[in-house]
Structure formats: structure tokens, C-alpha cells
Amino acid sequence: MKKTFQLAIEGKHPDRVLEATKHEIRKYVKRQRRVPLPEGVDYWDFDCKFGTSADNATVVHFATITSLIDAVAKEGGKAFYLELIAKNGYRAAKLQDAGDPDQAR
């Protein structure tokens, strides 16, 4: 998804537009996560870019998108650009500590 979202739409309450925008993003993420995983892939990850326009968009972590949208809305921004690209995600193996008594149970 590469899209510029408008936050100031004439005739619509800004809070409702903001919530509708967040809903659209969540719906896209849920739909992408339902796509069957290729063999050997653990989960769907996302490459994310966020900015006030496509020209000044920077790479951000997926978990920070909602707070960034809220910040733009709070500052009175009229629009923001969001780019979400699904990619293969691989889980790293966790190291087990042999000296931890809780692990021995």
C-alpha cells in the first residue's frame, strides 16, 4: 500500500476521518496477514515509510505507525503519506541460559 491519506475533508468531522483512516490501514494489514505464507517463512513482516508527503517519507517501525498518525493529526496536518510493503519474516532462535532455574522445570 502506497497512499496519501487526507485528514481534512470538507463536510466530515476530523476525528471520524482519522478513525476511518486507521481502520483502513488495520484492514489492509489483516488482509495481508491472511495471505498463505511461502514455505520456510514464519510470518508476514512489513517495510514501512511515513511522512507528510512521498518525497520526505522516512523508514519507520511498524509498531509506531499509529502514534505517528496521531502526532500528525494533533499538529493539525492536512495529510500524510504511508507506505506498507509486505515481506517475508523469519524468527530468530532464542538462546537458552543453562544457569536459569526456571528453564530446568
N, C-alpha and C. Protein backbone atom coordinates (compact mmCIF):
# COMPACT_ATOMS: atom_id res chain seq x y z
N MET A 1 0.84 -1.15 0.00
CA MET A 1 0.00 0.00 0.00
C MET A 1 0.90 1.23 0.00
N LYS A 2 0.73 2.05 -0.97
CA LYS A 2 1.41 3.34 -1.06
C LYS A 2 0.31 4.37 -1.26
N LYS A 3 0.07 5.18 -0.24
CA LYS A 3 -1.09 6.05 -0.33
C LYS A 3 -0.89 7.31 0.50
N THR A 4 -1.43 8.41 0.00
CA THR A 4 -1.50 9.65 0.75
C THR A 4 -2.91 9.77 1.31
N PHE A 5 -3.01 9.84 2.62
CA PHE A 5 -4.30 9.92 3.30
C PHE A 5 -4.59 11.38 3.64
N GLN A 6 -5.78 11.84 3.29
CA GLN A 6 -6.22 13.20 3.61
C GLN A 6 -6.90 13.17 4.98
N LEU A 7 -6.53 14.10 5.84
CA LEU A 7 -7.13 14.18 7.17
C LEU A 7 -8.15 15.30 7.28
N ALA A 8 -8.09 16.25 6.37
CA ALA A 8 -9.02 17.38 6.39
C ALA A 8 -9.92 17.30 5.16
N ILE A 9 -11.09 16.69 5.35
CA ILE A 9 -12.05 16.55 4.26
C ILE A 9 -13.25 17.43 4.60
N GLU A 10 -13.61 18.30 3.68
CA GLU A 10 -14.70 19.23 3.92
C GLU A 10 -16.01 18.47 4.14
N GLY A 11 -16.73 18.87 5.19
CA GLY A 11 -18.02 18.27 5.48
C GLY A 11 -17.94 17.03 6.36
N LYS A 12 -16.74 16.62 6.75
CA LYS A 12 -16.59 15.44 7.61
C LYS A 12 -15.82 15.84 8.87
N HIS A 13 -16.21 15.26 9.98
CA HIS A 13 -15.57 15.56 11.25
C HIS A 13 -14.15 14.97 11.25
N PRO A 14 -13.15 15.76 11.64
CA PRO A 14 -11.76 15.28 11.60
C PRO A 14 -11.51 14.01 12.41
N ASP A 15 -12.19 13.86 13.55
CA ASP A 15 -11.99 12.65 14.35
C ASP A 15 -12.50 11.41 13.63
N ARG A 16 -13.62 11.54 12.91
CA ARG A 16 -14.17 10.40 12.17
C ARG A 16 -13.27 10.04 10.99
N VAL A 17 -12.70 11.05 10.34
CA VAL A 17 -11.78 10.79 9.21
C VAL A 17 -10.53 10.08 9.72
N LEU A 18 -10.03 10.51 10.88
CA LEU A 18 -8.85 9.90 11.47
C LEU A 18 -9.10 8.43 11.80
N GLU A 19 -10.23 8.14 12.43
CA GLU A 19 -10.57 6.76 12.77
C GLU A 19 -10.79 5.90 11.53
N ALA A 20 -11.41 6.47 10.51
CA ALA A 20 -11.62 5.73 9.26
C ALA A 20 -10.29 5.40 8.58
N THR A 21 -9.35 6.32 8.67
CA THR A 21 -8.03 6.10 8.10
C THR A 21 -7.31 4.96 8.82
N LYS A 22 -7.33 4.99 10.14
CA LYS A 22 -6.70 3.92 10.93
C LYS A 22 -7.37 2.57 10.64
N HIS A 23 -8.70 2.59 10.50
CA HIS A 23 -9.43 1.36 10.20
C HIS A 23 -8.99 0.79 8.84
N GLU A 24 -8.84 1.65 7.86
CA GLU A 24 -8.41 1.20 6.53
C GLU A 24 -7.02 0.57 6.59
N ILE A 25 -6.12 1.14 7.36
CA ILE A 25 -4.76 0.60 7.49
C ILE A 25 -4.80 -0.75 8.19
N ARG A 26 -5.56 -0.85 9.28
CA ARG A 26 -5.66 -2.13 10.00
C ARG A 26 -6.28 -3.21 9.12
N LYS A 27 -7.29 -2.84 8.34
CA LYS A 27 -7.94 -3.79 7.44
C LYS A 27 -6.95 -4.31 6.40
N TYR A 28 -6.11 -3.43 5.86
CA TYR A 28 -5.11 -3.84 4.88
C TYR A 28 -4.12 -4.81 5.52
N VAL A 29 -3.67 -4.51 6.73
CA VAL A 29 -2.70 -5.38 7.41
C VAL A 29 -3.31 -6.75 7.68
N LYS A 30 -4.56 -6.80 8.16
CA LYS A 30 -5.22 -8.07 8.41
C LYS A 30 -5.34 -8.89 7.13
N ARG A 31 -5.69 -8.22 6.02
CA ARG A 31 -5.84 -8.92 4.74
C ARG A 31 -4.50 -9.49 4.29
N GLN A 32 -3.42 -8.72 4.44
CA GLN A 32 -2.09 -9.19 4.03
C GLN A 32 -1.64 -10.37 4.88
N ARG A 33 -1.96 -10.35 6.17
CA ARG A 33 -1.54 -11.43 7.06
C ARG A 33 -2.31 -12.73 6.80
N ARG A 34 -3.46 -12.64 6.13
CA ARG A 34 -4.22 -13.84 5.78
C ARG A 34 -3.68 -14.54 4.54
N VAL A 35 -2.83 -13.88 3.78
CA VAL A 35 -2.26 -14.50 2.58
C VAL A 35 -1.39 -15.68 3.02
N PRO A 36 -1.52 -16.84 2.37
CA PRO A 36 -0.72 -18.01 2.77
C PRO A 36 0.78 -17.71 2.71
N LEU A 37 1.48 -18.20 3.73
CA LEU A 37 2.93 -17.97 3.81
C LEU A 37 3.68 -18.90 2.85
N PRO A 38 4.72 -18.41 2.20
CA PRO A 38 5.57 -19.28 1.40
C PRO A 38 6.29 -20.28 2.32
N GLU A 39 6.77 -21.35 1.76
CA GLU A 39 7.45 -22.36 2.55
C GLU A 39 8.72 -21.78 3.18
N GLY A 40 8.90 -22.07 4.46
CA GLY A 40 10.08 -21.61 5.17
C GLY A 40 9.95 -20.22 5.79
N VAL A 41 8.83 -19.56 5.58
CA VAL A 41 8.62 -18.22 6.13
C VAL A 41 7.79 -18.35 7.41
N ASP A 42 8.16 -17.60 8.46
CA ASP A 42 7.49 -17.70 9.75
C ASP A 42 6.27 -16.78 9.87
N TYR A 43 6.35 -15.58 9.31
CA TYR A 43 5.26 -14.61 9.42
C TYR A 43 5.43 -13.52 8.38
N TRP A 44 4.39 -12.69 8.21
CA TRP A 44 4.48 -11.54 7.31
C TRP A 44 5.01 -10.35 8.10
N ASP A 45 6.04 -9.72 7.60
CA ASP A 45 6.60 -8.51 8.17
C ASP A 45 6.30 -7.37 7.20
N PHE A 46 6.49 -6.14 7.62
CA PHE A 46 6.18 -5.00 6.76
C PHE A 46 7.33 -4.00 6.74
N ASP A 47 7.69 -3.55 5.54
CA ASP A 47 8.58 -2.41 5.38
C ASP A 47 7.69 -1.18 5.39
N CYS A 48 8.01 -0.20 6.22
CA CYS A 48 7.14 0.96 6.41
C CYS A 48 7.89 2.26 6.17
N LYS A 49 7.23 3.18 5.51
CA LYS A 49 7.72 4.55 5.34
C LYS A 49 6.57 5.47 5.70
N PHE A 50 6.90 6.58 6.37
CA PHE A 50 5.88 7.52 6.81
C PHE A 50 6.41 8.94 6.67
N GLY A 51 5.55 9.86 6.25
CA GLY A 51 5.92 11.26 6.14
C GLY A 51 4.72 12.10 5.76
N THR A 52 4.93 13.41 5.69
CA THR A 52 3.84 14.28 5.30
C THR A 52 3.60 14.24 3.79
N SER A 53 4.60 13.77 3.05
CA SER A 53 4.45 13.55 1.61
C SER A 53 5.37 12.41 1.20
N ALA A 54 5.21 11.92 -0.03
CA ALA A 54 6.03 10.81 -0.50
C ALA A 54 7.50 11.22 -0.61
N ASP A 55 7.77 12.50 -0.85
CA ASP A 55 9.14 12.96 -1.02
C ASP A 55 9.94 12.94 0.28
N ASN A 56 9.29 13.21 1.40
CA ASN A 56 10.04 13.26 2.66
C ASN A 56 9.73 12.08 3.58
N ALA A 57 9.19 11.00 3.06
CA ALA A 57 8.88 9.82 3.86
C ALA A 57 10.16 9.14 4.31
N THR A 58 10.18 8.72 5.58
CA THR A 58 11.34 8.04 6.14
C THR A 58 10.93 6.65 6.62
N VAL A 59 11.89 5.77 6.75
CA VAL A 59 11.64 4.42 7.22
C VAL A 59 11.30 4.46 8.70
N VAL A 60 10.22 3.79 9.07
CA VAL A 60 9.78 3.73 10.47
C VAL A 60 9.45 2.28 10.82
N HIS A 61 9.36 1.99 12.11
CA HIS A 61 8.98 0.65 12.56
C HIS A 61 7.46 0.52 12.50
N PHE A 62 6.99 -0.65 12.19
CA PHE A 62 5.55 -0.90 12.01
C PHE A 62 4.75 -0.52 13.26
N ALA A 63 5.27 -0.79 14.44
CA ALA A 63 4.54 -0.55 15.68
C ALA A 63 4.34 0.94 15.98
N THR A 64 5.07 1.82 15.33
CA THR A 64 4.97 3.25 15.62
C THR A 64 4.01 4.00 14.70
N ILE A 65 3.42 3.32 13.75
CA ILE A 65 2.59 3.99 12.75
C ILE A 65 1.41 4.73 13.38
N THR A 66 0.69 4.10 14.29
CA THR A 66 -0.49 4.73 14.90
C THR A 66 -0.10 6.00 15.66
N SER A 67 0.99 5.94 16.41
CA SER A 67 1.41 7.13 17.16
C SER A 67 1.85 8.25 16.22
N LEU A 68 2.46 7.90 15.09
CA LEU A 68 2.86 8.92 14.11
C LEU A 68 1.63 9.58 13.47
N ILE A 69 0.63 8.78 13.18
CA ILE A 69 -0.61 9.32 12.61
C ILE A 69 -1.27 10.27 13.61
N ASP A 70 -1.33 9.85 14.88
CA ASP A 70 -1.91 10.70 15.92
C ASP A 70 -1.14 12.01 16.06
N ALA A 71 0.19 11.95 15.95
CA ALA A 71 1.00 13.16 16.06
C ALA A 71 0.71 14.14 14.92
N VAL A 72 0.57 13.62 13.70
CA VAL A 72 0.25 14.48 12.55
C VAL A 72 -1.12 15.12 12.75
N ALA A 73 -2.09 14.34 13.21
CA ALA A 73 -3.44 14.87 13.42
C ALA A 73 -3.45 15.91 14.54
N LYS A 74 -2.70 15.67 15.59
CA LYS A 74 -2.64 16.61 16.72
C LYS A 74 -2.02 17.94 16.32
N GLU A 75 -1.02 17.87 15.42
CA GLU A 75 -0.36 19.09 14.95
C GLU A 75 -1.21 19.85 13.93
N GLY A 76 -2.31 19.25 13.51
CA GLY A 76 -3.19 19.91 12.54
C GLY A 76 -2.80 19.66 11.10
N GLY A 77 -2.05 18.59 10.84
CA GLY A 77 -1.65 18.26 9.48
C GLY A 77 -2.85 17.93 8.61
N LYS A 78 -2.76 18.28 7.36
CA LYS A 78 -3.87 18.06 6.42
C LYS A 78 -3.82 16.67 5.78
N ALA A 79 -2.60 16.08 5.69
CA ALA A 79 -2.45 14.78 5.03
C ALA A 79 -1.15 14.13 5.48
N PHE A 80 -1.04 12.82 5.23
CA PHE A 80 0.21 12.10 5.46
C PHE A 80 0.34 11.00 4.43
N TYR A 81 1.59 10.57 4.20
CA TYR A 81 1.88 9.51 3.24
C TYR A 81 2.31 8.28 4.02
N LEU A 82 1.79 7.13 3.64
CA LEU A 82 2.13 5.87 4.28
C LEU A 82 2.42 4.83 3.22
N GLU A 83 3.51 4.12 3.41
CA GLU A 83 3.89 3.03 2.51
C GLU A 83 4.08 1.78 3.35
N LEU A 84 3.28 0.74 3.08
CA LEU A 84 3.38 -0.55 3.75
C LEU A 84 3.60 -1.62 2.69
N ILE A 85 4.74 -2.27 2.75
CA ILE A 85 5.05 -3.33 1.81
C ILE A 85 5.29 -4.62 2.60
N ALA A 86 4.50 -5.66 2.30
CA ALA A 86 4.66 -6.94 2.99
C ALA A 86 5.95 -7.62 2.54
N LYS A 87 6.63 -8.25 3.49
CA LYS A 87 7.85 -9.00 3.18
C LYS A 87 7.88 -10.24 4.06
N ASN A 88 8.73 -11.17 3.72
CA ASN A 88 8.88 -12.40 4.49
C ASN A 88 9.55 -12.11 5.83
N GLY A 89 9.01 -12.71 6.89
CA GLY A 89 9.59 -12.54 8.23
C GLY A 89 10.10 -13.87 8.75
N TYR A 90 11.27 -13.83 9.37
CA TYR A 90 11.89 -15.03 9.92
C TYR A 90 12.18 -14.80 11.40
N ARG A 91 11.78 -15.74 12.25
CA ARG A 91 12.03 -15.63 13.68
C ARG A 91 13.46 -16.09 13.99
N ALA A 92 14.12 -15.34 14.84
CA ALA A 92 15.46 -15.71 15.28
C ALA A 92 15.34 -16.68 16.44
N ALA A 93 16.22 -17.66 16.50
CA ALA A 93 16.22 -18.63 17.58
C ALA A 93 16.67 -17.93 18.86
N LYS A 94 15.97 -18.23 19.97
CA LYS A 94 16.32 -17.65 21.26
C LYS A 94 17.41 -18.49 21.92
N LEU A 95 18.37 -17.82 22.53
CA LEU A 95 19.42 -18.52 23.25
C LEU A 95 18.90 -18.88 24.63
N GLN A 96 19.15 -20.13 25.07
CA GLN A 96 18.71 -20.57 26.39
C GLN A 96 19.88 -20.51 27.35
N ASP A 97 19.63 -19.92 28.52
CA ASP A 97 20.66 -19.79 29.54
C ASP A 97 20.62 -21.06 30.41
N ALA A 98 21.73 -21.79 30.49
CA ALA A 98 21.80 -23.04 31.23
C ALA A 98 21.72 -22.80 32.73
N GLY A 99 22.06 -21.63 33.22
CA GLY A 99 22.07 -21.35 34.64
C GLY A 99 20.73 -20.86 35.18
N ASP A 100 19.72 -20.72 34.37
CA ASP A 100 18.43 -20.21 34.79
C ASP A 100 17.61 -21.35 35.39
N PRO A 101 17.23 -21.28 36.69
CA PRO A 101 16.50 -22.38 37.31
C PRO A 101 15.07 -22.54 36.77
N ASP A 102 14.48 -21.49 36.23
CA ASP A 102 13.13 -21.61 35.69
C ASP A 102 13.11 -22.43 34.41
N GLN A 103 14.20 -22.47 33.68
CA GLN A 103 14.28 -23.23 32.43
C GLN A 103 14.41 -24.73 32.70
N ALA A 104 14.88 -25.12 33.90
CA ALA A 104 15.12 -26.53 34.20
C ALA A 104 13.84 -27.30 34.47
N ARG A 105 12.75 -26.64 34.75
CA ARG A 105 11.49 -27.32 35.07
C ARG A 105 10.90 -27.97 33.90
